[in-house]
N, C-alpha and C. Protein backbone atom coordinates (compact mmCIF):
# COMPACT_ATOMS: atom_id res chain seq x y z
N MET A 1 0.14 -1.72 2.26
CA MET A 1 -0.18 -3.45 3.26
C MET A 1 0.57 -4.32 2.22
N ARG A 2 2.15 -4.81 3.18
CA ARG A 2 2.29 -5.88 1.91
C ARG A 2 1.92 -6.78 2.88
N GLY A 3 2.38 -8.37 2.26
CA GLY A 3 2.07 -9.55 2.39
C GLY A 3 2.39 -10.51 2.05
N LYS A 4 2.45 -11.88 1.95
CA LYS A 4 2.99 -13.10 1.67
C LYS A 4 2.03 -14.04 0.86
N TYR A 5 2.20 -14.42 -0.70
CA TYR A 5 1.23 -15.88 -1.01
C TYR A 5 2.27 -16.08 -0.59
N LYS A 6 2.07 -17.65 -0.62
CA LYS A 6 1.92 -19.38 0.31
C LYS A 6 3.08 -18.80 -0.05
N ASN A 7 4.26 -19.17 -0.03
CA ASN A 7 6.13 -18.73 0.20
C ASN A 7 6.54 -17.80 -0.75
N PHE A 8 5.78 -17.16 -1.26
CA PHE A 8 6.56 -15.53 -1.98
C PHE A 8 6.18 -14.10 -1.23
N LEU A 9 7.32 -12.87 -1.16
CA LEU A 9 6.38 -12.47 -0.16
C LEU A 9 7.47 -11.31 -1.29
N PRO A 10 6.90 -9.86 -0.91
CA PRO A 10 7.49 -9.11 -2.11
C PRO A 10 9.00 -7.91 -1.67
N ALA A 11 9.41 -8.38 -3.12
CA ALA A 11 11.08 -7.36 -2.81
C ALA A 11 10.51 -6.26 -3.38
N ILE A 12 10.49 -5.00 -2.68
CA ILE A 12 10.77 -3.52 -2.72
C ILE A 12 12.40 -3.23 -2.85
N ALA A 13 12.82 -2.24 -3.28
CA ALA A 13 14.00 -1.43 -2.82
C ALA A 13 13.42 -1.04 -2.33
N GLU A 14 14.66 -0.32 -1.36
CA GLU A 14 14.30 0.68 0.22
C GLU A 14 13.93 1.58 -0.38
N ASP A 15 14.50 2.50 -1.70
CA ASP A 15 13.95 3.58 -2.20
C ASP A 15 12.37 3.96 -2.87
N ALA A 16 11.87 2.18 -2.85
CA ALA A 16 10.73 2.57 -3.63
C ALA A 16 8.95 3.31 -2.87
N PHE A 17 8.77 4.02 -3.37
CA PHE A 17 7.96 4.16 -2.67
C PHE A 17 6.69 2.60 -2.22
N VAL A 18 5.92 2.92 -1.63
CA VAL A 18 4.55 2.05 -1.18
C VAL A 18 3.18 2.62 -0.14
N ALA A 19 2.31 3.85 -0.60
CA ALA A 19 1.58 4.32 -0.10
C ALA A 19 0.75 3.32 1.30
N SER A 20 0.67 3.36 2.44
CA SER A 20 0.06 3.09 3.76
C SER A 20 -1.00 1.81 3.35
N THR A 21 -1.90 3.45 2.86
CA THR A 21 -3.21 1.97 1.85
C THR A 21 -2.75 1.49 0.39
N ALA A 22 -2.44 1.30 -0.08
CA ALA A 22 -1.93 0.38 -1.26
C ALA A 22 -1.55 -1.11 -0.96
N SER A 23 -1.88 -2.09 -1.20
CA SER A 23 -1.62 -3.76 -0.90
C SER A 23 -1.24 -4.30 -1.86
N VAL A 24 0.23 -4.91 -1.48
CA VAL A 24 1.01 -5.69 -2.41
C VAL A 24 1.19 -6.69 -1.93
N PHE A 25 0.97 -8.00 -2.70
CA PHE A 25 0.61 -9.65 -1.76
C PHE A 25 1.42 -10.58 -3.24
N GLY A 26 2.51 -11.36 -2.75
CA GLY A 26 2.75 -12.42 -3.55
C GLY A 26 4.26 -12.17 -4.36
N ASP A 27 4.45 -12.83 -5.44
CA ASP A 27 5.27 -12.66 -5.86
C ASP A 27 5.47 -11.13 -7.04
N VAL A 28 5.95 -10.16 -6.20
CA VAL A 28 5.38 -8.20 -6.57
C VAL A 28 7.67 -8.56 -6.61
N ARG A 29 8.11 -8.25 -7.88
CA ARG A 29 8.58 -6.83 -7.02
C ARG A 29 9.16 -5.80 -7.89
N ILE A 30 9.44 -4.12 -7.21
CA ILE A 30 9.32 -3.09 -6.96
C ILE A 30 10.69 -3.49 -7.13
N ALA A 31 11.11 -2.02 -8.73
CA ALA A 31 12.65 -2.12 -8.52
C ALA A 31 13.05 -0.05 -7.69
N SER A 32 13.81 0.63 -7.67
CA SER A 32 14.23 1.59 -7.38
C SER A 32 13.70 2.51 -8.01
N ARG A 33 13.58 4.18 -7.06
CA ARG A 33 12.47 4.76 -7.54
C ARG A 33 10.55 4.71 -7.87
N ALA A 34 10.28 3.74 -7.76
CA ALA A 34 9.14 3.35 -8.88
C ALA A 34 8.52 3.93 -7.13
N ASN A 35 6.94 3.55 -7.48
CA ASN A 35 5.55 4.09 -6.33
C ASN A 35 4.70 3.40 -7.18
N ILE A 36 3.80 3.51 -5.81
CA ILE A 36 2.04 2.70 -5.65
C ILE A 36 1.84 3.22 -5.03
N TRP A 37 0.87 3.79 -5.27
CA TRP A 37 -0.20 4.49 -4.68
C TRP A 37 -1.62 4.17 -3.83
N PHE A 38 -2.23 4.51 -3.24
CA PHE A 38 -2.61 4.80 -2.38
C PHE A 38 -4.24 4.20 -2.78
N GLY A 39 -4.48 3.36 -2.19
CA GLY A 39 -5.52 2.57 -2.93
C GLY A 39 -5.04 1.10 -4.01
N ALA A 40 -4.08 1.38 -4.64
CA ALA A 40 -3.40 0.48 -6.09
C ALA A 40 -2.84 -0.97 -5.00
N VAL A 41 -4.14 -2.53 -5.82
CA VAL A 41 -4.25 -3.13 -5.54
C VAL A 41 -2.99 -3.69 -5.96
N ILE A 42 -1.86 -4.51 -5.92
CA ILE A 42 -1.23 -5.68 -6.86
C ILE A 42 -1.21 -7.36 -6.27
N ARG A 43 -2.39 -7.84 -6.68
CA ARG A 43 -1.82 -9.42 -6.46
C ARG A 43 -0.94 -10.11 -7.33
N ALA A 44 0.58 -10.53 -7.30
CA ALA A 44 0.73 -11.76 -7.79
C ALA A 44 0.33 -12.87 -6.57
N ASP A 45 -0.72 -13.83 -6.99
CA ASP A 45 -1.06 -15.27 -6.47
C ASP A 45 -0.60 -16.61 -7.77
N LEU A 46 -1.23 -16.08 -9.02
CA LEU A 46 -0.72 -17.41 -9.68
C LEU A 46 0.02 -16.87 -10.32
N ASN A 47 0.94 -16.28 -10.51
CA ASN A 47 1.77 -15.52 -11.51
C ASN A 47 2.75 -14.47 -10.84
N SER A 48 3.90 -13.70 -11.64
CA SER A 48 5.46 -12.74 -10.77
C SER A 48 4.37 -11.58 -11.44
N ILE A 49 4.39 -10.55 -10.93
CA ILE A 49 4.16 -9.25 -11.05
C ILE A 49 5.96 -8.75 -11.49
N GLU A 50 6.97 -7.57 -12.12
CA GLU A 50 7.93 -6.60 -12.20
C GLU A 50 7.17 -5.47 -12.10
N ILE A 51 7.61 -4.51 -11.10
CA ILE A 51 7.36 -3.38 -11.10
C ILE A 51 9.17 -2.79 -12.20
N GLY A 52 9.62 -2.00 -13.26
CA GLY A 52 10.03 -1.91 -13.28
C GLY A 52 10.31 -0.50 -12.74
N SER A 53 12.38 0.68 -13.03
CA SER A 53 12.38 1.99 -11.89
C SER A 53 11.86 2.83 -12.33
N PHE A 54 11.60 4.12 -12.44
CA PHE A 54 10.56 5.02 -12.01
C PHE A 54 8.98 4.70 -12.06
N THR A 55 8.81 3.27 -12.80
CA THR A 55 7.10 3.80 -12.82
C THR A 55 6.60 4.12 -11.34
N ASN A 56 5.11 4.34 -11.82
CA ASN A 56 3.97 5.22 -10.95
C ASN A 56 3.51 4.32 -11.07
N ILE A 57 2.44 3.22 -9.96
CA ILE A 57 0.73 3.29 -10.50
C ILE A 57 0.39 3.92 -9.62
N GLN A 58 -0.91 4.70 -9.28
CA GLN A 58 -1.57 5.91 -9.77
C GLN A 58 -2.76 5.11 -8.35
N ASP A 59 -2.97 6.06 -7.68
CA ASP A 59 -4.63 5.82 -7.15
C ASP A 59 -5.66 4.26 -7.42
N LEU A 60 -6.29 3.71 -6.57
CA LEU A 60 -6.84 2.83 -6.99
C LEU A 60 -6.44 1.68 -8.44
N SER A 61 -5.95 2.19 -9.04
CA SER A 61 -4.85 0.97 -10.07
C SER A 61 -5.07 -0.58 -9.57
N VAL A 62 -6.12 -1.73 -10.96
CA VAL A 62 -5.64 -3.30 -9.45
C VAL A 62 -3.95 -3.95 -10.77
N LEU A 63 -3.17 -4.39 -10.15
CA LEU A 63 -2.47 -5.03 -10.74
C LEU A 63 -2.65 -6.88 -9.98
N HIS A 64 -3.09 -7.59 -11.63
CA HIS A 64 -3.28 -8.87 -11.80
C HIS A 64 -2.63 -9.56 -12.43
N VAL A 65 -2.03 -11.48 -12.59
CA VAL A 65 -1.89 -12.25 -13.17
C VAL A 65 -2.23 -13.35 -13.61
N GLU A 66 -2.33 -14.31 -14.85
CA GLU A 66 -3.32 -15.86 -14.50
C GLU A 66 -2.10 -16.80 -14.91
N THR A 67 -2.01 -17.65 -14.12
CA THR A 67 -0.91 -18.31 -14.24
C THR A 67 0.04 -18.51 -15.16
N SER A 68 -0.95 -18.34 -17.31
CA SER A 68 -0.25 -18.25 -17.99
C SER A 68 0.42 -17.17 -17.84
N HIS A 69 0.13 -16.11 -17.62
CA HIS A 69 0.34 -14.94 -17.65
C HIS A 69 0.38 -13.79 -16.71
N PRO A 70 2.50 -13.37 -17.05
CA PRO A 70 2.52 -12.74 -15.59
C PRO A 70 2.95 -11.79 -16.29
N MET A 71 3.78 -10.67 -14.94
CA MET A 71 4.16 -8.85 -15.63
C MET A 71 4.84 -8.88 -15.73
N LYS A 72 4.89 -7.65 -16.79
CA LYS A 72 6.26 -6.97 -16.63
C LYS A 72 6.09 -5.47 -17.00
N ILE A 73 6.20 -4.56 -15.94
CA ILE A 73 6.29 -3.11 -15.97
C ILE A 73 7.75 -2.88 -16.43
N GLY A 74 8.29 -1.99 -17.59
CA GLY A 74 9.23 -1.68 -17.87
C GLY A 74 9.37 -0.07 -16.30
N SER A 75 10.31 0.42 -17.62
CA SER A 75 11.13 1.50 -16.44
C SER A 75 10.15 3.38 -17.23
N HIS A 76 10.36 3.79 -16.14
CA HIS A 76 9.65 4.87 -16.61
C HIS A 76 8.43 5.01 -16.98
N VAL A 77 7.08 4.54 -16.36
CA VAL A 77 5.75 4.26 -16.54
C VAL A 77 5.05 5.18 -16.03
N SER A 78 3.90 5.29 -16.46
CA SER A 78 3.26 6.47 -15.58
C SER A 78 1.88 5.39 -15.67
N VAL A 79 1.34 4.90 -14.78
CA VAL A 79 -0.12 3.72 -14.74
C VAL A 79 -1.24 4.89 -13.99
N GLY A 80 -2.40 5.37 -14.48
CA GLY A 80 -3.72 6.34 -15.08
C GLY A 80 -4.40 5.81 -13.34
N HIS A 81 -5.00 6.69 -12.70
CA HIS A 81 -5.57 6.34 -10.96
C HIS A 81 -6.57 4.73 -12.54
N ARG A 82 -7.35 3.89 -10.80
CA ARG A 82 -8.06 3.39 -12.08
C ARG A 82 -7.96 2.55 -12.86
N ALA A 83 -7.21 2.18 -13.21
CA ALA A 83 -6.26 1.29 -14.67
C ALA A 83 -6.53 0.28 -14.18
N ILE A 84 -7.09 -1.15 -15.21
CA ILE A 84 -7.10 -2.60 -14.23
C ILE A 84 -6.02 -3.05 -15.10
N LEU A 85 -4.68 -3.42 -14.87
CA LEU A 85 -3.87 -4.61 -16.28
C LEU A 85 -3.15 -6.40 -15.68
N HIS A 86 -3.41 -7.22 -15.98
CA HIS A 86 -4.43 -8.30 -16.44
C HIS A 86 -3.16 -8.56 -17.04
N GLY A 87 -1.74 -9.50 -16.22
CA GLY A 87 -1.45 -10.66 -16.97
C GLY A 87 -0.40 -9.80 -18.27
N CYS A 88 -0.46 -8.83 -18.82
CA CYS A 88 0.71 -8.14 -19.40
C CYS A 88 1.70 -7.67 -19.25
N THR A 89 2.57 -7.21 -20.44
CA THR A 89 3.61 -6.40 -20.64
C THR A 89 3.58 -5.28 -21.12
N ILE A 90 4.44 -4.49 -20.31
CA ILE A 90 4.15 -3.07 -21.06
C ILE A 90 5.85 -2.40 -20.97
N GLU A 91 6.37 -2.46 -21.62
CA GLU A 91 7.53 -2.31 -21.96
C GLU A 91 7.86 -0.61 -21.99
N ASP A 92 9.45 -0.03 -21.69
CA ASP A 92 9.54 1.97 -20.82
C ASP A 92 8.75 2.64 -21.79
N LYS A 93 9.02 3.60 -20.56
CA LYS A 93 8.46 5.30 -21.34
C LYS A 93 6.84 5.02 -21.77
N VAL A 94 5.79 4.56 -21.19
CA VAL A 94 4.75 4.27 -21.96
C VAL A 94 3.71 4.49 -20.55
N LEU A 95 2.65 5.28 -21.28
CA LEU A 95 1.52 6.07 -20.36
C LEU A 95 0.17 4.85 -20.63
N ILE A 96 -0.04 4.35 -19.22
CA ILE A 96 -1.37 3.58 -19.38
C ILE A 96 -2.52 5.14 -18.62
N GLY A 97 -3.55 5.31 -19.13
CA GLY A 97 -4.90 7.04 -19.23
C GLY A 97 -5.16 6.01 -18.14
N MET A 98 -6.14 7.29 -17.29
CA MET A 98 -6.56 6.97 -16.38
C MET A 98 -8.47 5.77 -17.31
N GLY A 99 -8.09 4.65 -15.86
CA GLY A 99 -9.81 3.57 -16.12
C GLY A 99 -9.14 2.49 -17.90
N ALA A 100 -8.14 3.51 -18.27
CA ALA A 100 -8.14 1.94 -18.74
C ALA A 100 -7.30 0.28 -18.70
N ILE A 101 -8.13 -0.89 -19.19
CA ILE A 101 -7.91 -1.64 -19.27
C ILE A 101 -6.98 -2.41 -20.33
N ILE A 102 -6.07 -2.91 -20.00
CA ILE A 102 -4.94 -4.24 -20.28
C ILE A 102 -4.99 -5.59 -20.06
N MET A 103 -5.67 -6.66 -20.76
CA MET A 103 -5.87 -7.95 -20.97
C MET A 103 -4.22 -8.38 -21.01
N ASN A 104 -5.25 -9.54 -20.25
CA ASN A 104 -3.70 -10.62 -20.43
C ASN A 104 -3.31 -10.57 -21.35
N GLY A 105 -1.70 -11.74 -22.11
CA GLY A 105 -0.87 -11.40 -23.45
C GLY A 105 -0.65 -10.22 -23.84
N ALA A 106 -1.14 -9.25 -23.58
CA ALA A 106 -1.50 -8.56 -25.02
C ALA A 106 0.37 -6.83 -23.78
N LYS A 107 0.39 -6.43 -25.41
CA LYS A 107 1.75 -6.32 -25.24
C LYS A 107 1.60 -5.15 -25.64
N ILE A 108 2.54 -4.15 -24.61
CA ILE A 108 1.83 -2.27 -25.10
C ILE A 108 3.52 -2.19 -25.31
N GLY A 109 4.65 -1.19 -26.59
CA GLY A 109 5.13 -1.22 -27.44
C GLY A 109 6.27 -0.53 -27.05
N GLU A 110 7.15 -0.19 -26.27
CA GLU A 110 8.16 0.82 -25.62
C GLU A 110 7.28 2.99 -26.00
N GLY A 111 7.12 4.03 -25.29
CA GLY A 111 6.72 4.21 -25.97
C GLY A 111 5.66 5.44 -26.62
N SER A 112 4.15 4.29 -25.65
CA SER A 112 3.27 4.02 -26.36
C SER A 112 2.43 4.64 -25.51
N VAL A 113 1.45 5.33 -26.02
CA VAL A 113 0.01 6.27 -24.86
C VAL A 113 -1.11 5.36 -24.48
N ILE A 114 -1.61 5.08 -24.07
CA ILE A 114 -3.07 3.96 -23.86
C ILE A 114 -3.33 5.28 -23.01
N GLY A 115 -4.87 6.00 -23.97
CA GLY A 115 -5.23 6.69 -23.76
C GLY A 115 -6.10 6.26 -22.27
N ALA A 116 -6.96 7.00 -22.32
CA ALA A 116 -7.56 6.65 -20.47
C ALA A 116 -9.66 6.88 -21.37
N GLY A 117 -9.81 5.63 -20.76
CA GLY A 117 -10.56 4.04 -20.46
C GLY A 117 -10.57 3.92 -22.28
N ALA A 118 -9.85 3.23 -22.55
CA ALA A 118 -9.58 2.27 -23.52
C ALA A 118 -9.48 1.01 -23.17
N LEU A 119 -9.40 0.00 -23.95
CA LEU A 119 -8.79 -0.97 -23.59
C LEU A 119 -8.56 -2.00 -24.92
N VAL A 120 -7.05 -3.09 -24.43
CA VAL A 120 -6.70 -3.23 -25.43
C VAL A 120 -6.94 -4.71 -24.75
N THR A 121 -7.11 -5.18 -25.86
CA THR A 121 -7.74 -6.87 -25.62
C THR A 121 -6.32 -7.70 -25.57
N GLU A 122 -7.86 -8.50 -25.15
CA GLU A 122 -6.53 -9.61 -24.76
C GLU A 122 -5.03 -10.85 -25.94
N ASN A 123 -3.76 -9.78 -25.94
CA ASN A 123 -2.83 -10.76 -27.21
C ASN A 123 -3.42 -10.11 -27.91
N ALA A 124 -3.29 -8.99 -27.66
CA ALA A 124 -2.82 -7.30 -28.59
C ALA A 124 -1.62 -7.38 -28.53
N VAL A 125 -1.50 -7.20 -29.42
CA VAL A 125 -0.02 -6.50 -29.22
C VAL A 125 0.54 -4.65 -30.37
N ILE A 126 0.43 -3.55 -29.82
CA ILE A 126 0.48 -2.59 -29.80
C ILE A 126 1.71 -2.43 -30.08
N PRO A 127 2.61 -1.82 -31.45
CA PRO A 127 3.79 -1.33 -31.98
C PRO A 127 3.86 -0.23 -30.94
N PRO A 128 6.01 -0.38 -31.17
CA PRO A 128 6.84 0.86 -29.92
C PRO A 128 5.57 2.87 -30.60
N ARG A 129 5.82 3.56 -29.32
CA ARG A 129 5.13 5.11 -29.82
C ARG A 129 4.16 4.88 -30.76
N SER A 130 2.97 4.25 -30.16
CA SER A 130 1.41 3.90 -30.80
C SER A 130 1.14 5.05 -30.22
N LEU A 131 -0.73 5.35 -30.21
CA LEU A 131 -1.81 5.43 -29.76
C LEU A 131 -3.20 4.84 -29.57
N VAL A 132 -3.15 4.99 -28.70
CA VAL A 132 -4.32 4.05 -28.72
C VAL A 132 -5.20 4.55 -27.93
N ILE A 133 -6.45 4.70 -28.04
CA ILE A 133 -7.40 5.04 -27.73
C ILE A 133 -9.20 4.03 -28.24
N GLY A 134 -10.13 4.75 -27.47
CA GLY A 134 -11.60 3.70 -27.27
C GLY A 134 -11.37 2.01 -26.87
N PHE A 135 -12.75 2.25 -27.74
CA PHE A 135 -13.07 1.15 -26.46
C PHE A 135 -14.29 0.10 -27.51
N PRO A 136 -13.12 -1.12 -27.94
CA PRO A 136 -12.32 -2.04 -28.43
C PRO A 136 -11.16 -0.84 -28.99
N GLY A 137 -9.29 -0.42 -27.90
CA GLY A 137 -9.30 0.59 -28.18
C GLY A 137 -8.28 0.64 -29.68
N LYS A 138 -7.33 1.04 -30.61
CA LYS A 138 -7.25 0.89 -31.54
C LYS A 138 -6.01 2.26 -31.82
N ILE A 139 -5.14 1.94 -33.05
CA ILE A 139 -4.00 2.52 -33.07
C ILE A 139 -4.46 4.15 -34.00
N ARG A 140 -3.99 5.07 -33.27
CA ARG A 140 -4.90 6.51 -33.93
C ARG A 140 -3.66 7.48 -35.02
N ARG A 141 -2.25 7.09 -34.20
CA ARG A 141 -1.21 7.73 -34.92
C ARG A 141 0.02 7.45 -33.72
N ASN A 142 1.38 8.40 -34.08
CA ASN A 142 1.92 7.66 -34.14
C ASN A 142 2.88 8.78 -32.58
N VAL A 143 2.64 8.02 -31.86
CA VAL A 143 3.83 9.75 -30.32
C VAL A 143 4.91 10.04 -30.54
N SER A 144 4.69 11.68 -30.53
CA SER A 144 5.21 12.65 -30.57
C SER A 144 7.11 12.63 -30.03
N ASP A 145 7.91 12.83 -30.75
CA ASP A 145 9.09 13.36 -30.02
C ASP A 145 8.56 13.96 -28.26
N GLU A 146 7.57 15.02 -28.53
CA GLU A 146 7.46 15.70 -27.67
C GLU A 146 7.34 15.05 -26.53
N GLU A 147 5.57 14.66 -27.08
CA GLU A 147 5.33 13.09 -25.91
C GLU A 147 5.88 12.05 -25.48
N LEU A 148 6.40 11.58 -26.41
CA LEU A 148 7.55 10.80 -25.91
C LEU A 148 8.19 11.35 -24.08
N ALA A 149 9.21 13.04 -24.73
CA ALA A 149 10.10 13.68 -22.98
C ALA A 149 8.88 13.61 -22.36
N GLN A 150 7.27 13.87 -22.52
CA GLN A 150 6.99 14.06 -21.45
C GLN A 150 5.42 12.93 -20.63
N ILE A 151 6.07 12.01 -21.32
CA ILE A 151 5.98 10.80 -20.68
C ILE A 151 7.49 10.40 -19.46
N GLU A 152 8.40 10.20 -20.03
CA GLU A 152 9.64 10.07 -18.63
C GLU A 152 10.06 11.33 -17.97
N SER A 153 9.45 12.91 -18.44
CA SER A 153 8.48 13.97 -17.51
C SER A 153 7.88 13.76 -16.10
N ALA A 154 7.20 12.60 -17.26
CA ALA A 154 5.00 12.83 -15.90
C ALA A 154 6.09 11.76 -14.73
N ALA A 155 7.61 10.28 -15.13
CA ALA A 155 7.01 9.01 -14.74
C ALA A 155 8.42 10.40 -12.81
N LYS A 156 9.31 11.02 -13.88
CA LYS A 156 10.39 10.90 -12.82
C LYS A 156 9.34 12.59 -12.12
N SER A 157 8.09 12.89 -12.41
CA SER A 157 7.79 13.87 -11.43
C SER A 157 6.51 12.99 -10.69
N TYR A 158 6.24 11.95 -11.17
CA TYR A 158 5.28 11.08 -9.23
C TYR A 158 6.74 10.95 -8.50
N ALA A 159 7.89 10.42 -9.18
CA ALA A 159 8.48 9.75 -8.29
C ALA A 159 9.58 10.36 -7.20
N GLU A 160 9.34 12.09 -8.06
CA GLU A 160 9.83 13.29 -7.24
C GLU A 160 8.19 13.51 -5.49
N THR A 161 8.09 13.69 -6.45
CA THR A 161 6.41 14.01 -5.40
C THR A 161 6.62 12.63 -4.51
N ALA A 162 6.97 11.72 -4.60
CA ALA A 162 6.84 10.15 -3.99
C ALA A 162 7.81 10.59 -2.88
N MET A 163 9.16 11.30 -2.89
CA MET A 163 10.55 11.43 -1.96
C MET A 163 10.12 12.09 -0.83
N GLY A 164 8.54 13.01 -1.18
CA GLY A 164 7.98 13.67 -0.29
C GLY A 164 7.56 12.61 1.24
N TYR A 165 6.52 11.67 0.60
CA TYR A 165 6.92 10.81 1.61
C TYR A 165 7.88 10.73 3.04
N PHE A 166 8.16 10.20 3.22
CA PHE A 166 9.27 9.12 3.08
C PHE A 166 9.97 10.60 4.00
N GLU A 167 9.94 11.90 3.79
CA GLU A 167 10.24 12.62 4.91
C GLU A 167 9.21 13.02 5.37
N ALA A 168 8.15 12.81 5.09
CA ALA A 168 7.22 12.93 6.76
C ALA A 168 6.71 12.43 7.32
């Protein structure tokens, strides 16, 4: 479901996939080959949400904003099932694990991994290529070159899977 909020309609690239049960409302911009999966909610009523190319927002994830905190998600990002992102910035090639929570004003650096169930607190700044786990999340180590390649590969794999829905 896609819809207008006040004067804002989502702008979705023609080759982006939005599942039939996903909800996308308001000032949302979804780039080429991005994919939004079943039951995801993207609600840009108080500010804007921008989703980069080849980024996947997996099933049952929730993205929302605050009047003082828009959201920008870079390219080749994977947002795991049931994750919650609120008014944050996610740079390119990041993996957000299943059930993770990213709060207002947080910034996740390029090439980082936020572990499943982790909490990134309000206004936290996570440096590039950091592995964050825990509740609240703590930086445990740097992300390896192999892990970084896997992040990009996973995003491309989701984009390929999404193409199958255009053929159905």
